[in-house]
Amino acid sequence: MLSQKGVVELDDERRAAMVSNLMVVLC
């Protein structure tokens, strides 16, 4: 959704950091 709506452009490192943060929050 972030990518489709153009909210923010994420490179691989930022994407990995966001995934890590979201997994910590959700799990």
PDB file of all heavy atoms in Angstrom:
ATOM      1  N   MET A   1       0.822  -1.199   0.000  1.00  0.00           N
ATOM      2  CA  MET A   1       0.000   0.000   0.000  1.00  0.00           C
ATOM      3  C   MET A   1       0.863   1.259   0.000  1.00  0.00           C
ATOM      4  O   MET A   1       0.567   2.243  -0.696  1.00  0.00           O
ATOM      5  CB  MET A   1      -0.934   0.000   1.209  1.00  0.00           C
ATOM      6  CG  MET A   1      -2.023  -1.063   1.144  1.00  0.00           C
ATOM      7  SD  MET A   1      -3.081  -1.093   2.622  1.00  0.00           S
ATOM      8  CE  MET A   1      -3.828   0.534   2.502  1.00  0.00           C
ATOM      9  N   LEU A   2       1.953   1.241   0.776  1.00  0.00           N
ATOM     10  CA  LEU A   2       2.862   2.398   0.783  1.00  0.00           C
ATOM     11  C   LEU A   2       3.472   2.625  -0.587  1.00  0.00           C
ATOM     12  O   LEU A   2       3.616   3.765  -1.041  1.00  0.00           O
ATOM     13  CB  LEU A   2       3.960   2.180   1.827  1.00  0.00           C
ATOM     14  CG  LEU A   2       3.539   2.264   3.299  1.00  0.00           C
ATOM     15  CD1 LEU A   2       4.688   1.866   4.204  1.00  0.00           C
ATOM     16  CD2 LEU A   2       3.058   3.682   3.642  1.00  0.00           C
ATOM     17  N   SER A   3       3.808   1.526  -1.249  1.00  0.00           N
ATOM     18  CA  SER A   3       4.424   1.647  -2.563  1.00  0.00           C
ATOM     19  C   SER A   3       3.420   2.099  -3.613  1.00  0.00           C
ATOM     20  O   SER A   3       3.727   2.948  -4.458  1.00  0.00           O
ATOM     21  CB  SER A   3       5.047   0.309  -2.956  1.00  0.00           C
ATOM     22  OG  SER A   3       5.601   0.366  -4.244  1.00  0.00           O
ATOM     23  N   GLN A   4       2.198   1.545  -3.565  1.00  0.00           N
ATOM     24  CA  GLN A   4       1.199   1.885  -4.572  1.00  0.00           C
ATOM     25  C   GLN A   4       0.747   3.338  -4.468  1.00  0.00           C
ATOM     26  O   GLN A   4       0.522   4.006  -5.477  1.00  0.00           O
ATOM     27  CB  GLN A   4      -0.005   0.949  -4.430  1.00  0.00           C
ATOM     28  CG  GLN A   4       0.274  -0.496  -4.834  1.00  0.00           C
ATOM     29  CD  GLN A   4      -0.894  -1.406  -4.531  1.00  0.00           C
ATOM     30  OE1 GLN A   4      -1.935  -0.962  -4.007  1.00  0.00           O
ATOM     31  NE2 GLN A   4      -0.739  -2.690  -4.847  1.00  0.00           N
ATOM     32  N   LYS A   5       0.620   3.853  -3.254  1.00  0.00           N
ATOM     33  CA  LYS A   5       0.135   5.221  -3.057  1.00  0.00           C
ATOM     34  C   LYS A   5       1.257   6.256  -3.062  1.00  0.00           C
ATOM     35  O   LYS A   5       0.992   7.453  -2.934  1.00  0.00           O
ATOM     36  CB  LYS A   5      -0.648   5.311  -1.744  1.00  0.00           C
ATOM     37  CG  LYS A   5      -1.920   4.468  -1.763  1.00  0.00           C
ATOM     38  CD  LYS A   5      -2.724   4.632  -0.488  1.00  0.00           C
ATOM     39  CE  LYS A   5      -4.018   3.822  -0.548  1.00  0.00           C
ATOM     40  NZ  LYS A   5      -4.838   4.002   0.659  1.00  0.00           N
ATOM     41  N   GLY A   6       2.463   5.773  -3.201  1.00  0.00           N
ATOM     42  CA  GLY A   6       3.597   6.690  -3.265  1.00  0.00           C
ATOM     43  C   GLY A   6       3.819   7.488  -2.000  1.00  0.00           C
ATOM     44  O   GLY A   6       4.280   8.634  -2.047  1.00  0.00           O
ATOM     45  N   VAL A   7       3.490   6.923  -0.876  1.00  0.00           N
ATOM     46  CA  VAL A   7       3.670   7.630   0.403  1.00  0.00           C
ATOM     47  C   VAL A   7       5.139   7.839   0.683  1.00  0.00           C
ATOM     48  O   VAL A   7       5.581   8.907   1.123  1.00  0.00           O
ATOM     49  CB  VAL A   7       3.001   6.851   1.543  1.00  0.00           C
ATOM     50  CG1 VAL A   7       3.244   7.537   2.880  1.00  0.00           C
ATOM     51  CG2 VAL A   7       1.495   6.733   1.289  1.00  0.00           C
ATOM     52  N   VAL A   8       5.945   6.821   0.441  1.00  0.00           N
ATOM     53  CA  VAL A   8       7.382   6.915   0.715  1.00  0.00           C
ATOM     54  C   VAL A   8       8.105   5.935  -0.198  1.00  0.00           C
ATOM     55  O   VAL A   8       7.583   4.871  -0.542  1.00  0.00           O
ATOM     56  CB  VAL A   8       7.678   6.594   2.198  1.00  0.00           C
ATOM     57  CG1 VAL A   8       7.263   5.181   2.547  1.00  0.00           C
ATOM     58  CG2 VAL A   8       9.145   6.833   2.528  1.00  0.00           C
ATOM     59  N   GLU A   9       9.283   6.309  -0.623  1.00  0.00           N
ATOM     60  CA  GLU A   9      10.120   5.431  -1.426  1.00  0.00           C
ATOM     61  C   GLU A   9      11.127   4.749  -0.500  1.00  0.00           C
ATOM     62  O   GLU A   9      11.865   5.426   0.227  1.00  0.00           O
ATOM     63  CB  GLU A   9      10.848   6.222  -2.511  1.00  0.00           C
ATOM     64  CG  GLU A   9       9.924   6.815  -3.570  1.00  0.00           C
ATOM     65  CD  GLU A   9       9.263   5.736  -4.408  1.00  0.00           C
ATOM     66  OE1 GLU A   9       9.837   4.634  -4.528  1.00  0.00           O
ATOM     67  OE2 GLU A   9       8.149   5.986  -4.928  1.00  0.00           O
ATOM     68  N   LEU A  10      11.133   3.446  -0.500  1.00  0.00           N
ATOM     69  CA  LEU A  10      11.996   2.700   0.402  1.00  0.00           C
ATOM     70  C   LEU A  10      13.023   1.914  -0.392  1.00  0.00           C
ATOM     71  O   LEU A  10      12.668   1.190  -1.336  1.00  0.00           O
ATOM     72  CB  LEU A  10      11.165   1.724   1.255  1.00  0.00           C
ATOM     73  CG  LEU A  10      10.078   2.353   2.164  1.00  0.00           C
ATOM     74  CD1 LEU A  10       9.254   1.257   2.811  1.00  0.00           C
ATOM     75  CD2 LEU A  10      10.713   3.240   3.207  1.00  0.00           C
ATOM     76  N   ASP A  11      14.296   2.076   0.010  1.00  0.00           N
ATOM     77  CA  ASP A  11      15.311   1.209  -0.565  1.00  0.00           C
ATOM     78  C   ASP A  11      15.350  -0.090   0.238  1.00  0.00           C
ATOM     79  O   ASP A  11      14.586  -0.283   1.184  1.00  0.00           O
ATOM     80  CB  ASP A  11      16.674   1.897  -0.583  1.00  0.00           C
ATOM     81  CG  ASP A  11      17.116   2.338   0.817  1.00  0.00           C
ATOM     82  OD1 ASP A  11      16.541   1.819   1.807  1.00  0.00           O
ATOM     83  OD2 ASP A  11      18.018   3.188   0.934  1.00  0.00           O
ATOM     84  N   ASP A  12      16.230  -0.995  -0.129  1.00  0.00           N
ATOM     85  CA  ASP A  12      16.255  -2.299   0.519  1.00  0.00           C
ATOM     86  C   ASP A  12      16.535  -2.209   2.008  1.00  0.00           C
ATOM     87  O   ASP A  12      15.942  -2.932   2.814  1.00  0.00           O
ATOM     88  CB  ASP A  12      17.311  -3.192  -0.145  1.00  0.00           C
ATOM     89  CG  ASP A  12      16.913  -3.578  -1.563  1.00  0.00           C
ATOM     90  OD1 ASP A  12      15.702  -3.478  -1.869  1.00  0.00           O
ATOM     91  OD2 ASP A  12      17.795  -3.980  -2.337  1.00  0.00           O
ATOM     92  N   GLU A  13      17.425  -1.288   2.400  1.00  0.00           N
ATOM     93  CA  GLU A  13      17.793  -1.181   3.813  1.00  0.00           C
ATOM     94  C   GLU A  13      16.641  -0.630   4.636  1.00  0.00           C
ATOM     95  O   GLU A  13      16.338  -1.128   5.722  1.00  0.00           O
ATOM     96  CB  GLU A  13      19.038  -0.309   3.966  1.00  0.00           C
ATOM     97  CG  GLU A  13      19.596  -0.321   5.394  1.00  0.00           C
ATOM     98  CD  GLU A  13      20.934   0.404   5.482  1.00  0.00           C
ATOM     99  OE1 GLU A  13      21.470   0.804   4.433  1.00  0.00           O
ATOM    100  OE2 GLU A  13      21.427   0.558   6.612  1.00  0.00           O
ATOM    101  N   ARG A  14      15.992   0.443   4.111  1.00  0.00           N
ATOM    102  CA  ARG A  14      14.842   1.006   4.829  1.00  0.00           C
ATOM    103  C   ARG A  14      13.671   0.014   4.868  1.00  0.00           C
ATOM    104  O   ARG A  14      12.937  -0.071   5.850  1.00  0.00           O
ATOM    105  CB  ARG A  14      14.417   2.311   4.163  1.00  0.00           C
ATOM    106  CG  ARG A  14      15.379   3.477   4.411  1.00  0.00           C
ATOM    107  CD  ARG A  14      14.791   4.762   3.861  1.00  0.00           C
ATOM    108  NE  ARG A  14      15.599   5.908   4.217  1.00  0.00           N
ATOM    109  CZ  ARG A  14      16.625   6.374   3.508  1.00  0.00           C
ATOM    110  NH1 ARG A  14      16.981   5.733   2.390  1.00  0.00           N
ATOM    111  NH2 ARG A  14      17.303   7.437   3.896  1.00  0.00           N
ATOM    112  N   ARG A  15      13.492  -0.718   3.775  1.00  0.00           N
ATOM    113  CA  ARG A  15      12.437  -1.724   3.755  1.00  0.00           C
ATOM    114  C   ARG A  15      12.683  -2.802   4.819  1.00  0.00           C
ATOM    115  O   ARG A  15      11.759  -3.222   5.527  1.00  0.00           O
ATOM    116  CB  ARG A  15      12.356  -2.363   2.367  1.00  0.00           C
ATOM    117  CG  ARG A  15      11.212  -3.366   2.202  1.00  0.00           C
ATOM    118  CD  ARG A  15      11.273  -3.980   0.810  1.00  0.00           C
ATOM    119  NE  ARG A  15      11.017  -2.980  -0.197  1.00  0.00           N
ATOM    120  CZ  ARG A  15       9.804  -2.680  -0.662  1.00  0.00           C
ATOM    121  NH1 ARG A  15       8.760  -3.326  -0.206  1.00  0.00           N
ATOM    122  NH2 ARG A  15       9.649  -1.751  -1.577  1.00  0.00           N
ATOM    123  N   ALA A  16      13.941  -3.242   4.933  1.00  0.00           N
ATOM    124  CA  ALA A  16      14.279  -4.244   5.933  1.00  0.00           C
ATOM    125  C   ALA A  16      14.048  -3.720   7.341  1.00  0.00           C
ATOM    126  O   ALA A  16      13.557  -4.427   8.226  1.00  0.00           O
ATOM    127  CB  ALA A  16      15.725  -4.694   5.754  1.00  0.00           C
ATOM    128  N   ALA A  17      14.400  -2.453   7.562  1.00  0.00           N
ATOM    129  CA  ALA A  17      14.201  -1.862   8.884  1.00  0.00           C
ATOM    130  C   ALA A  17      12.718  -1.760   9.228  1.00  0.00           C
ATOM    131  O   ALA A  17      12.294  -2.044  10.352  1.00  0.00           O
ATOM    132  CB  ALA A  17      14.854  -0.487   8.938  1.00  0.00           C
ATOM    133  N   MET A  18      11.899  -1.379   8.234  1.00  0.00           N
ATOM    134  CA  MET A  18      10.467  -1.272   8.486  1.00  0.00           C
ATOM    135  C   MET A  18       9.859  -2.641   8.759  1.00  0.00           C
ATOM    136  O   MET A  18       9.020  -2.796   9.665  1.00  0.00           O
ATOM    137  CB  MET A  18       9.766  -0.612   7.299  1.00  0.00           C
ATOM    138  CG  MET A  18       8.252  -0.511   7.458  1.00  0.00           C
ATOM    139  SD  MET A  18       7.467   0.474   6.196  1.00  0.00           S
ATOM    140  CE  MET A  18       7.983   2.122   6.716  1.00  0.00           C
ATOM    141  N   VAL A  19      10.281  -3.629   7.972  1.00  0.00           N
ATOM    142  CA  VAL A  19       9.773  -4.981   8.202  1.00  0.00           C
ATOM    143  C   VAL A  19      10.125  -5.449   9.605  1.00  0.00           C
ATOM    144  O   VAL A  19       9.299  -6.023  10.323  1.00  0.00           O
ATOM    145  CB  VAL A  19      10.333  -5.949   7.142  1.00  0.00           C
ATOM    146  CG1 VAL A  19      10.033  -7.400   7.537  1.00  0.00           C
ATOM    147  CG2 VAL A  19       9.754  -5.645   5.774  1.00  0.00           C
ATOM    148  N   SER A  20      11.359  -5.213  10.037  1.00  0.00           N
ATOM    149  CA  SER A  20      11.791  -5.619  11.368  1.00  0.00           C
ATOM    150  C   SER A  20      10.953  -4.946  12.445  1.00  0.00           C
ATOM    151  O   SER A  20      10.496  -5.588  13.391  1.00  0.00           O
ATOM    152  CB  SER A  20      13.273  -5.293  11.550  1.00  0.00           C
ATOM    153  OG  SER A  20      13.692  -5.600  12.867  1.00  0.00           O
ATOM    154  N   ASN A  21      10.735  -3.636  12.293  1.00  0.00           N
ATOM    155  CA  ASN A  21       9.965  -2.887  13.297  1.00  0.00           C
ATOM    156  C   ASN A  21       8.513  -3.369  13.350  1.00  0.00           C
ATOM    157  O   ASN A  21       7.939  -3.549  14.430  1.00  0.00           O
ATOM    158  CB  ASN A  21      10.007  -1.395  13.000  1.00  0.00           C
ATOM    159  CG  ASN A  21      11.395  -0.804  13.203  1.00  0.00           C
ATOM    160  OD1 ASN A  21      12.208  -1.348  13.961  1.00  0.00           O
ATOM    161  ND2 ASN A  21      11.696   0.286  12.514  1.00  0.00           N
ATOM    162  N   LEU A  22       7.908  -3.585  12.176  1.00  0.00           N
ATOM    163  CA  LEU A  22       6.520  -4.030  12.150  1.00  0.00           C
ATOM    164  C   LEU A  22       6.372  -5.428  12.748  1.00  0.00           C
ATOM    165  O   LEU A  22       5.396  -5.704  13.452  1.00  0.00           O
ATOM    166  CB  LEU A  22       5.994  -4.009  10.714  1.00  0.00           C
ATOM    167  CG  LEU A  22       5.720  -2.629  10.113  1.00  0.00           C
ATOM    168  CD1 LEU A  22       5.327  -2.758   8.642  1.00  0.00           C
ATOM    169  CD2 LEU A  22       4.621  -1.910  10.887  1.00  0.00           C
ATOM    170  N   MET A  23       7.318  -6.325  12.475  1.00  0.00           N
ATOM    171  CA  MET A  23       7.246  -7.667  13.027  1.00  0.00           C
ATOM    172  C   MET A  23       7.370  -7.646  14.548  1.00  0.00           C
ATOM    173  O   MET A  23       6.708  -8.406  15.253  1.00  0.00           O
ATOM    174  CB  MET A  23       8.332  -8.549  12.419  1.00  0.00           C
ATOM    175  CG  MET A  23       8.126  -8.871  10.945  1.00  0.00           C
ATOM    176  SD  MET A  23       6.619  -9.814  10.628  1.00  0.00           S
ATOM    177  CE  MET A  23       7.027 -11.364  11.407  1.00  0.00           C
ATOM    178  N   VAL A  24       8.240  -6.764  15.056  1.00  0.00           N
ATOM    179  CA  VAL A  24       8.377  -6.644  16.509  1.00  0.00           C
ATOM    180  C   VAL A  24       7.078  -6.148  17.125  1.00  0.00           C
ATOM    181  O   VAL A  24       6.611  -6.654  18.158  1.00  0.00           O
ATOM    182  CB  VAL A  24       9.540  -5.696  16.861  1.00  0.00           C
ATOM    183  CG1 VAL A  24       9.527  -5.377  18.357  1.00  0.00           C
ATOM    184  CG2 VAL A  24      10.868  -6.321  16.474  1.00  0.00           C
ATOM    185  N   VAL A  25       6.438  -5.162  16.493  1.00  0.00           N
ATOM    186  CA  VAL A  25       5.201  -4.604  17.017  1.00  0.00           C
ATOM    187  C   VAL A  25       4.076  -5.652  16.982  1.00  0.00           C
ATOM    188  O   VAL A  25       3.316  -5.815  17.942  1.00  0.00           O
ATOM    189  CB  VAL A  25       4.799  -3.351  16.215  1.00  0.00           C
ATOM    190  CG1 VAL A  25       3.393  -2.897  16.608  1.00  0.00           C
ATOM    191  CG2 VAL A  25       5.798  -2.240  16.454  1.00  0.00           C
ATOM    192  N   LEU A  26       3.985  -6.379  15.869  1.00  0.00           N
ATOM    193  CA  LEU A  26       2.867  -7.304  15.700  1.00  0.00           C
ATOM    194  C   LEU A  26       3.039  -8.603  16.477  1.00  0.00           C
ATOM    195  O   LEU A  26       2.056  -9.214  16.899  1.00  0.00           O
ATOM    196  CB  LEU A  26       2.676  -7.614  14.211  1.00  0.00           C
ATOM    197  CG  LEU A  26       2.247  -6.428  13.335  1.00  0.00           C
ATOM    198  CD1 LEU A  26       2.269  -6.822  11.873  1.00  0.00           C
ATOM    199  CD2 LEU A  26       0.857  -5.951  13.736  1.00  0.00           C
ATOM    200  N   CYS A  27       4.271  -9.058  16.655  1.00  0.00           N
ATOM    201  CA  CYS A  27       4.512 -10.354  17.288  1.00  0.00           C
ATOM    202  C   CYS A  27       4.894 -10.243  18.758  1.00  0.00           C
ATOM    203  O   CYS A  27       4.974 -11.261  19.448  1.00  0.00           O
ATOM    204  CB  CYS A  27       5.607 -11.121  16.542  1.00  0.00           C
ATOM    205  SG  CYS A  27       5.156 -11.535  14.842  1.00  0.00           S
TER     206      CYS A  27
END
